[in-house]
Amino acid sequence: MQAQQDLVSLLSSTRQLMTRQITYAELCQHKSEEDLWLAINGKVYDVTKFLSEHPGGDEVLLTEAGNDATEPFEDVGHSEDARSQLDKLFIGTLADPENLPKRAGKASDMASEGSSSALYIALIAGLVAVAGYFLLNKSK
């Protein structure tokens, strides 16, 4: 069993050394249900045939179609089994990772920033109400 895993790992490493270089512009052209590529950690995967099998549903993959999906992939915390399945879908490496567009802040970060702002506003409103109460009662 270990020998088989070592062989698969060796073949995968060899394949990656002899791999095709894919530009970001080329990656962007593959964003349909019939032809869907993703980049994860600088490697490009053709996930077209995996769409119907993806446990999170095809919409998750379609949302990231033709883009760098590293952040969403890592945020989910995929299992080792999921990571090993990527080897079967590997088609090349990203030739120009510096051309990847910068992602906007994560939705969870933006949501927490929004809730922090709401908390500050509520806190200030509460302090103003308490101060007003004491000022009104002091004058009586």
N, C-alpha and C. Protein backbone atom coordinates (compact mmCIF):
# COMPACT_ATOMS: atom_id res chain seq x y z
N MET A 1 0.83 -1.19 0.00
CA MET A 1 0.00 0.00 0.00
C MET A 1 0.88 1.26 0.00
N GLN A 2 1.88 1.30 0.87
CA GLN A 2 2.77 2.46 0.93
C GLN A 2 3.55 2.61 -0.37
N ALA A 3 3.97 1.48 -0.95
CA ALA A 3 4.71 1.53 -2.21
C ALA A 3 3.85 2.13 -3.32
N GLN A 4 2.56 1.77 -3.31
CA GLN A 4 1.64 2.30 -4.30
C GLN A 4 1.47 3.82 -4.12
N GLN A 5 1.35 4.27 -2.88
CA GLN A 5 1.21 5.70 -2.61
C GLN A 5 2.48 6.44 -3.01
N ASP A 6 3.65 5.83 -2.75
CA ASP A 6 4.91 6.45 -3.14
C ASP A 6 5.00 6.58 -4.66
N LEU A 7 4.54 5.55 -5.37
CA LEU A 7 4.57 5.58 -6.83
C LEU A 7 3.65 6.67 -7.37
N VAL A 8 2.46 6.77 -6.81
CA VAL A 8 1.51 7.81 -7.23
C VAL A 8 2.11 9.19 -6.97
N SER A 9 2.74 9.35 -5.82
CA SER A 9 3.36 10.63 -5.48
C SER A 9 4.50 10.96 -6.44
N LEU A 10 5.32 9.96 -6.77
CA LEU A 10 6.44 10.15 -7.69
C LEU A 10 5.92 10.53 -9.07
N LEU A 11 4.90 9.83 -9.55
CA LEU A 11 4.34 10.13 -10.86
C LEU A 11 3.74 11.53 -10.89
N SER A 12 3.08 11.89 -9.81
CA SER A 12 2.50 13.22 -9.72
C SER A 12 3.58 14.30 -9.75
N SER A 13 4.67 14.07 -9.01
CA SER A 13 5.78 15.03 -8.99
C SER A 13 6.43 15.15 -10.35
N THR A 14 6.61 14.02 -11.02
CA THR A 14 7.22 14.01 -12.35
C THR A 14 6.33 14.76 -13.33
N ARG A 15 5.05 14.50 -13.26
CA ARG A 15 4.10 15.17 -14.15
C ARG A 15 4.15 16.68 -13.94
N GLN A 16 4.26 17.10 -12.69
CA GLN A 16 4.27 18.53 -12.40
C GLN A 16 5.56 19.19 -12.89
N LEU A 17 6.66 18.45 -12.90
CA LEU A 17 7.92 19.00 -13.41
C LEU A 17 7.84 19.21 -14.92
N MET A 18 7.11 18.36 -15.60
CA MET A 18 7.01 18.42 -17.06
C MET A 18 5.70 19.09 -17.47
N THR A 19 5.19 19.92 -16.64
CA THR A 19 3.85 20.45 -16.83
C THR A 19 3.78 21.65 -17.75
N ARG A 20 2.61 21.89 -18.18
CA ARG A 20 2.31 23.02 -19.04
C ARG A 20 2.16 24.29 -18.19
N GLN A 21 2.62 25.40 -18.71
CA GLN A 21 2.48 26.70 -18.06
C GLN A 21 1.22 27.37 -18.60
N ILE A 22 0.35 27.79 -17.70
CA ILE A 22 -0.93 28.39 -18.09
C ILE A 22 -0.96 29.83 -17.58
N THR A 23 -1.23 30.75 -18.49
CA THR A 23 -1.29 32.16 -18.09
C THR A 23 -2.64 32.46 -17.44
N TYR A 24 -2.67 33.56 -16.70
CA TYR A 24 -3.92 33.98 -16.08
C TYR A 24 -4.97 34.28 -17.15
N ALA A 25 -4.54 34.87 -18.26
CA ALA A 25 -5.47 35.17 -19.35
C ALA A 25 -6.12 33.89 -19.88
N GLU A 26 -5.33 32.83 -20.00
CA GLU A 26 -5.88 31.55 -20.47
C GLU A 26 -6.83 30.96 -19.43
N LEU A 27 -6.44 31.03 -18.17
CA LEU A 27 -7.29 30.53 -17.08
C LEU A 27 -8.67 31.20 -17.14
N CYS A 28 -8.67 32.50 -17.37
CA CYS A 28 -9.93 33.27 -17.39
C CYS A 28 -10.89 32.83 -18.49
N GLN A 29 -10.37 32.18 -19.52
CA GLN A 29 -11.22 31.76 -20.63
C GLN A 29 -12.03 30.50 -20.32
N HIS A 30 -11.75 29.86 -19.21
CA HIS A 30 -12.38 28.58 -18.88
C HIS A 30 -13.29 28.74 -17.67
N LYS A 31 -14.46 29.29 -17.91
CA LYS A 31 -15.35 29.59 -16.78
C LYS A 31 -16.79 29.18 -17.02
N SER A 32 -17.00 28.19 -17.86
CA SER A 32 -18.36 27.72 -18.11
C SER A 32 -18.55 26.32 -17.53
N GLU A 33 -19.79 25.88 -17.42
CA GLU A 33 -20.06 24.54 -16.90
C GLU A 33 -19.45 23.46 -17.78
N GLU A 34 -19.27 23.76 -19.07
CA GLU A 34 -18.71 22.79 -20.00
C GLU A 34 -17.19 22.81 -20.03
N ASP A 35 -16.59 23.82 -19.43
CA ASP A 35 -15.13 23.99 -19.48
C ASP A 35 -14.71 24.89 -18.31
N LEU A 36 -14.44 24.28 -17.15
CA LEU A 36 -14.22 25.06 -15.94
C LEU A 36 -12.86 24.76 -15.32
N TRP A 37 -12.02 25.78 -15.25
CA TRP A 37 -10.70 25.66 -14.64
C TRP A 37 -10.63 26.56 -13.41
N LEU A 38 -9.82 26.12 -12.44
CA LEU A 38 -9.54 26.91 -11.23
C LEU A 38 -8.05 26.86 -10.96
N ALA A 39 -7.53 27.89 -10.32
CA ALA A 39 -6.15 27.87 -9.83
C ALA A 39 -6.20 27.79 -8.31
N ILE A 40 -5.39 26.89 -7.76
CA ILE A 40 -5.28 26.77 -6.31
C ILE A 40 -3.80 26.62 -5.98
N ASN A 41 -3.29 27.54 -5.19
CA ASN A 41 -1.87 27.54 -4.80
C ASN A 41 -0.94 27.45 -6.01
N GLY A 42 -1.26 28.21 -7.05
CA GLY A 42 -0.40 28.28 -8.23
C GLY A 42 -0.53 27.13 -9.20
N LYS A 43 -1.40 26.18 -8.92
CA LYS A 43 -1.62 25.05 -9.82
C LYS A 43 -3.01 25.20 -10.43
N VAL A 44 -3.12 24.79 -11.70
CA VAL A 44 -4.39 24.92 -12.41
C VAL A 44 -5.04 23.55 -12.55
N TYR A 45 -6.34 23.53 -12.29
CA TYR A 45 -7.11 22.28 -12.32
C TYR A 45 -8.31 22.42 -13.24
N ASP A 46 -8.57 21.38 -14.04
CA ASP A 46 -9.79 21.32 -14.85
C ASP A 46 -10.82 20.57 -14.02
N VAL A 47 -11.77 21.29 -13.46
CA VAL A 47 -12.76 20.69 -12.55
C VAL A 47 -14.10 20.44 -13.24
N THR A 48 -14.11 20.51 -14.57
CA THR A 48 -15.35 20.34 -15.32
C THR A 48 -16.07 19.04 -14.96
N LYS A 49 -15.35 17.93 -15.00
CA LYS A 49 -15.97 16.63 -14.74
C LYS A 49 -16.30 16.43 -13.26
N PHE A 50 -15.75 17.27 -12.40
CA PHE A 50 -15.97 17.15 -10.96
C PHE A 50 -17.18 17.96 -10.48
N LEU A 51 -17.71 18.81 -11.35
CA LEU A 51 -18.82 19.70 -10.96
C LEU A 51 -19.96 18.95 -10.28
N SER A 52 -20.42 17.87 -10.89
CA SER A 52 -21.58 17.15 -10.34
C SER A 52 -21.23 16.36 -9.09
N GLU A 53 -19.94 16.12 -8.85
CA GLU A 53 -19.51 15.33 -7.70
C GLU A 53 -19.14 16.18 -6.49
N HIS A 54 -18.95 17.48 -6.69
CA HIS A 54 -18.47 18.34 -5.60
C HIS A 54 -19.47 18.34 -4.44
N PRO A 55 -19.01 17.95 -3.24
CA PRO A 55 -19.91 17.87 -2.08
C PRO A 55 -20.60 19.20 -1.73
N GLY A 56 -19.95 20.31 -2.04
CA GLY A 56 -20.53 21.62 -1.74
C GLY A 56 -21.45 22.13 -2.83
N GLY A 57 -21.63 21.34 -3.88
CA GLY A 57 -22.48 21.73 -5.00
C GLY A 57 -21.69 22.42 -6.09
N ASP A 58 -22.24 22.44 -7.28
CA ASP A 58 -21.53 23.02 -8.42
C ASP A 58 -21.44 24.54 -8.35
N GLU A 59 -22.37 25.17 -7.65
CA GLU A 59 -22.38 26.64 -7.56
C GLU A 59 -21.10 27.18 -6.94
N VAL A 60 -20.56 26.45 -5.98
CA VAL A 60 -19.32 26.87 -5.31
C VAL A 60 -18.19 26.96 -6.33
N LEU A 61 -18.09 25.95 -7.19
CA LEU A 61 -17.03 25.94 -8.20
C LEU A 61 -17.31 26.97 -9.29
N LEU A 62 -18.56 27.09 -9.69
CA LEU A 62 -18.90 28.05 -10.74
C LEU A 62 -18.62 29.49 -10.31
N THR A 63 -18.76 29.76 -9.03
CA THR A 63 -18.48 31.10 -8.50
C THR A 63 -17.01 31.47 -8.70
N GLU A 64 -16.14 30.49 -8.58
CA GLU A 64 -14.70 30.74 -8.69
C GLU A 64 -14.14 30.42 -10.08
N ALA A 65 -15.00 30.08 -11.02
CA ALA A 65 -14.58 29.65 -12.36
C ALA A 65 -13.62 30.64 -13.01
N GLY A 66 -12.53 30.10 -13.55
CA GLY A 66 -11.57 30.93 -14.27
C GLY A 66 -10.77 31.86 -13.39
N ASN A 67 -10.72 31.59 -12.10
CA ASN A 67 -10.04 32.47 -11.15
C ASN A 67 -9.13 31.70 -10.21
N ASP A 68 -8.43 32.46 -9.38
CA ASP A 68 -7.64 31.87 -8.31
C ASP A 68 -8.59 31.55 -7.16
N ALA A 69 -8.75 30.27 -6.86
CA ALA A 69 -9.67 29.84 -5.81
C ALA A 69 -8.93 29.41 -4.55
N THR A 70 -7.68 29.83 -4.40
CA THR A 70 -6.87 29.40 -3.25
C THR A 70 -7.54 29.78 -1.93
N GLU A 71 -7.91 31.03 -1.79
CA GLU A 71 -8.47 31.50 -0.52
C GLU A 71 -9.77 30.77 -0.15
N PRO A 72 -10.75 30.68 -1.06
CA PRO A 72 -11.96 29.95 -0.70
C PRO A 72 -11.69 28.47 -0.42
N PHE A 73 -10.76 27.87 -1.18
CA PHE A 73 -10.43 26.46 -0.97
C PHE A 73 -9.84 26.25 0.42
N GLU A 74 -8.91 27.10 0.80
CA GLU A 74 -8.26 26.97 2.11
C GLU A 74 -9.21 27.34 3.25
N ASP A 75 -10.09 28.31 3.02
CA ASP A 75 -11.03 28.72 4.06
C ASP A 75 -11.97 27.60 4.47
N VAL A 76 -12.31 26.74 3.53
CA VAL A 76 -13.24 25.64 3.81
C VAL A 76 -12.56 24.57 4.66
N GLY A 77 -11.24 24.44 4.54
CA GLY A 77 -10.53 23.42 5.31
C GLY A 77 -10.75 22.04 4.73
N HIS A 78 -10.43 21.86 3.46
CA HIS A 78 -10.62 20.58 2.79
C HIS A 78 -9.79 19.47 3.42
N SER A 79 -10.31 18.27 3.35
CA SER A 79 -9.64 17.08 3.90
C SER A 79 -8.46 16.68 3.01
N GLU A 80 -7.64 15.78 3.53
CA GLU A 80 -6.52 15.25 2.74
C GLU A 80 -7.06 14.51 1.52
N ASP A 81 -8.19 13.83 1.67
CA ASP A 81 -8.80 13.12 0.55
C ASP A 81 -9.17 14.10 -0.56
N ALA A 82 -9.77 15.22 -0.18
CA ALA A 82 -10.14 16.24 -1.16
C ALA A 82 -8.90 16.79 -1.85
N ARG A 83 -7.86 17.01 -1.07
CA ARG A 83 -6.61 17.53 -1.65
C ARG A 83 -5.98 16.52 -2.61
N SER A 84 -6.07 15.24 -2.27
CA SER A 84 -5.48 14.22 -3.15
C SER A 84 -6.28 14.09 -4.45
N GLN A 85 -7.57 14.39 -4.40
CA GLN A 85 -8.38 14.34 -5.62
C GLN A 85 -7.95 15.41 -6.61
N LEU A 86 -7.36 16.48 -6.12
CA LEU A 86 -6.89 17.54 -7.01
C LEU A 86 -5.83 17.02 -7.98
N ASP A 87 -5.01 16.06 -7.54
CA ASP A 87 -3.97 15.52 -8.41
C ASP A 87 -4.55 14.98 -9.71
N LYS A 88 -5.73 14.39 -9.64
CA LYS A 88 -6.37 13.81 -10.83
C LYS A 88 -6.86 14.89 -11.78
N LEU A 89 -7.05 16.10 -11.28
CA LEU A 89 -7.62 17.19 -12.07
C LEU A 89 -6.55 18.19 -12.54
N PHE A 90 -5.32 17.99 -12.10
CA PHE A 90 -4.21 18.91 -12.38
C PHE A 90 -3.91 18.96 -13.88
N ILE A 91 -3.79 20.19 -14.43
CA ILE A 91 -3.46 20.32 -15.85
C ILE A 91 -2.25 21.22 -16.11
N GLY A 92 -1.78 21.95 -15.11
CA GLY A 92 -0.63 22.81 -15.32
C GLY A 92 -0.40 23.75 -14.16
N THR A 93 0.64 24.56 -14.30
CA THR A 93 0.93 25.55 -13.26
C THR A 93 0.68 26.95 -13.82
N LEU A 94 0.37 27.84 -12.93
CA LEU A 94 0.10 29.22 -13.31
C LEU A 94 1.43 29.89 -13.67
N ALA A 95 1.53 30.36 -14.90
CA ALA A 95 2.78 30.94 -15.39
C ALA A 95 3.03 32.33 -14.82
N ASP A 96 1.97 33.03 -14.50
CA ASP A 96 2.10 34.43 -14.09
C ASP A 96 1.24 34.74 -12.87
N PRO A 97 1.55 34.13 -11.73
CA PRO A 97 0.72 34.36 -10.54
C PRO A 97 0.68 35.82 -10.11
N GLU A 98 1.67 36.60 -10.52
CA GLU A 98 1.67 38.02 -10.15
C GLU A 98 0.55 38.79 -10.87
N ASN A 99 -0.02 38.21 -11.92
CA ASN A 99 -1.11 38.86 -12.64
C ASN A 99 -2.49 38.56 -12.06
N LEU A 100 -2.54 37.73 -11.04
CA LEU A 100 -3.82 37.43 -10.41
C LEU A 100 -4.37 38.70 -9.77
N PRO A 101 -5.64 38.98 -9.98
CA PRO A 101 -6.21 40.17 -9.33
C PRO A 101 -6.27 39.97 -7.83
N LYS A 102 -6.09 41.05 -7.11
CA LYS A 102 -6.19 41.00 -5.65
C LYS A 102 -7.65 40.86 -5.28
N ARG A 103 -7.91 39.98 -4.34
CA ARG A 103 -9.29 39.77 -3.88
C ARG A 103 -9.69 40.89 -2.94
N ALA A 104 -10.96 41.24 -3.00
CA ALA A 104 -11.51 42.15 -2.00
C ALA A 104 -11.48 41.42 -0.68
N GLY A 105 -11.65 42.14 0.42
CA GLY A 105 -11.66 41.51 1.74
C GLY A 105 -12.65 40.37 1.80
N LYS A 106 -12.35 39.37 2.59
CA LYS A 106 -13.25 38.23 2.74
C LYS A 106 -14.59 38.71 3.28
N ALA A 107 -15.63 38.03 2.86
CA ALA A 107 -16.98 38.39 3.32
C ALA A 107 -17.07 38.30 4.84
N SER A 108 -16.41 37.31 5.42
CA SER A 108 -16.47 37.18 6.88
C SER A 108 -15.77 38.35 7.56
N ASP A 109 -14.67 38.84 6.95
CA ASP A 109 -13.98 40.00 7.52
C ASP A 109 -14.86 41.24 7.41
N MET A 110 -15.50 41.40 6.24
CA MET A 110 -16.36 42.56 6.05
C MET A 110 -17.55 42.50 6.99
N ALA A 111 -18.09 41.31 7.19
CA ALA A 111 -19.23 41.17 8.09
C ALA A 111 -18.83 41.51 9.51
N SER A 112 -17.64 41.07 9.93
CA SER A 112 -17.22 41.37 11.30
C SER A 112 -16.92 42.85 11.46
N GLU A 113 -16.39 43.50 10.40
CA GLU A 113 -16.17 44.94 10.46
C GLU A 113 -17.50 45.67 10.60
N GLY A 114 -18.50 45.22 9.86
CA GLY A 114 -19.82 45.84 9.93
C GLY A 114 -20.44 45.66 11.30
N SER A 115 -20.30 44.48 11.87
CA SER A 115 -20.89 44.25 13.19
C SER A 115 -20.11 45.00 14.26
N SER A 116 -18.80 45.20 14.07
CA SER A 116 -18.02 46.00 15.02
C SER A 116 -18.48 47.45 14.99
N SER A 117 -18.73 47.98 13.81
CA SER A 117 -19.21 49.35 13.69
C SER A 117 -20.56 49.50 14.37
N ALA A 118 -21.43 48.54 14.17
CA ALA A 118 -22.75 48.60 14.80
C ALA A 118 -22.63 48.55 16.31
N LEU A 119 -21.68 47.76 16.81
CA LEU A 119 -21.46 47.66 18.25
C LEU A 119 -21.00 49.00 18.82
N TYR A 120 -20.07 49.67 18.12
CA TYR A 120 -19.59 50.98 18.58
C TYR A 120 -20.72 52.01 18.59
N ILE A 121 -21.52 52.00 17.55
CA ILE A 121 -22.64 52.95 17.48
C ILE A 121 -23.62 52.70 18.63
N ALA A 122 -23.92 51.43 18.88
CA ALA A 122 -24.84 51.09 19.98
C ALA A 122 -24.25 51.51 21.32
N LEU A 123 -22.94 51.30 21.49
CA LEU A 123 -22.27 51.67 22.74
C LEU A 123 -22.32 53.18 22.95
N ILE A 124 -22.03 53.94 21.92
CA ILE A 124 -22.07 55.40 22.02
C ILE A 124 -23.49 55.89 22.30
N ALA A 125 -24.47 55.30 21.61
CA ALA A 125 -25.87 55.69 21.85
C ALA A 125 -26.27 55.39 23.29
N GLY A 126 -25.81 54.26 23.80
CA GLY A 126 -26.10 53.91 25.19
C GLY A 126 -25.48 54.90 26.16
N LEU A 127 -24.23 55.29 25.92
CA LEU A 127 -23.55 56.26 26.79
C LEU A 127 -24.25 57.62 26.75
N VAL A 128 -24.67 58.04 25.57
CA VAL A 128 -25.38 59.31 25.44
C VAL A 128 -26.70 59.24 26.22
N ALA A 129 -27.40 58.13 26.13
CA ALA A 129 -28.67 57.97 26.84
C ALA A 129 -28.46 58.01 28.35
N VAL A 130 -27.44 57.32 28.85
CA VAL A 130 -27.15 57.31 30.29
C VAL A 130 -26.76 58.71 30.76
N ALA A 131 -25.89 59.38 29.98
CA ALA A 131 -25.47 60.74 30.35
C ALA A 131 -26.68 61.68 30.35
N GLY A 132 -27.54 61.57 29.37
CA GLY A 132 -28.74 62.39 29.31
C GLY A 132 -29.66 62.14 30.50
N TYR A 133 -29.81 60.89 30.88
CA TYR A 133 -30.65 60.53 32.03
C TYR A 133 -30.13 61.20 33.30
N PHE A 134 -28.80 61.08 33.53
CA PHE A 134 -28.23 61.67 34.74
C PHE A 134 -28.30 63.20 34.72
N LEU A 135 -28.09 63.81 33.57
CA LEU A 135 -28.19 65.26 33.47
C LEU A 135 -29.61 65.75 33.74
N LEU A 136 -30.60 65.06 33.22
CA LEU A 136 -31.99 65.44 33.45
C LEU A 136 -32.39 65.25 34.91
N ASN A 137 -31.94 64.16 35.52
CA ASN A 137 -32.28 63.90 36.93
C ASN A 137 -31.53 64.83 37.88
N LYS A 138 -30.36 65.28 37.49
CA LYS A 138 -29.56 66.18 38.33
C LYS A 138 -30.23 67.55 38.43
N SER A 139 -30.86 67.98 37.35
CA SER A 139 -31.49 69.30 37.34
C SER A 139 -32.81 69.32 38.10
N LYS A 140 -33.36 68.19 38.49
CA LYS A 140 -34.63 68.13 39.23
C LYS A 140 -34.45 68.41 40.68
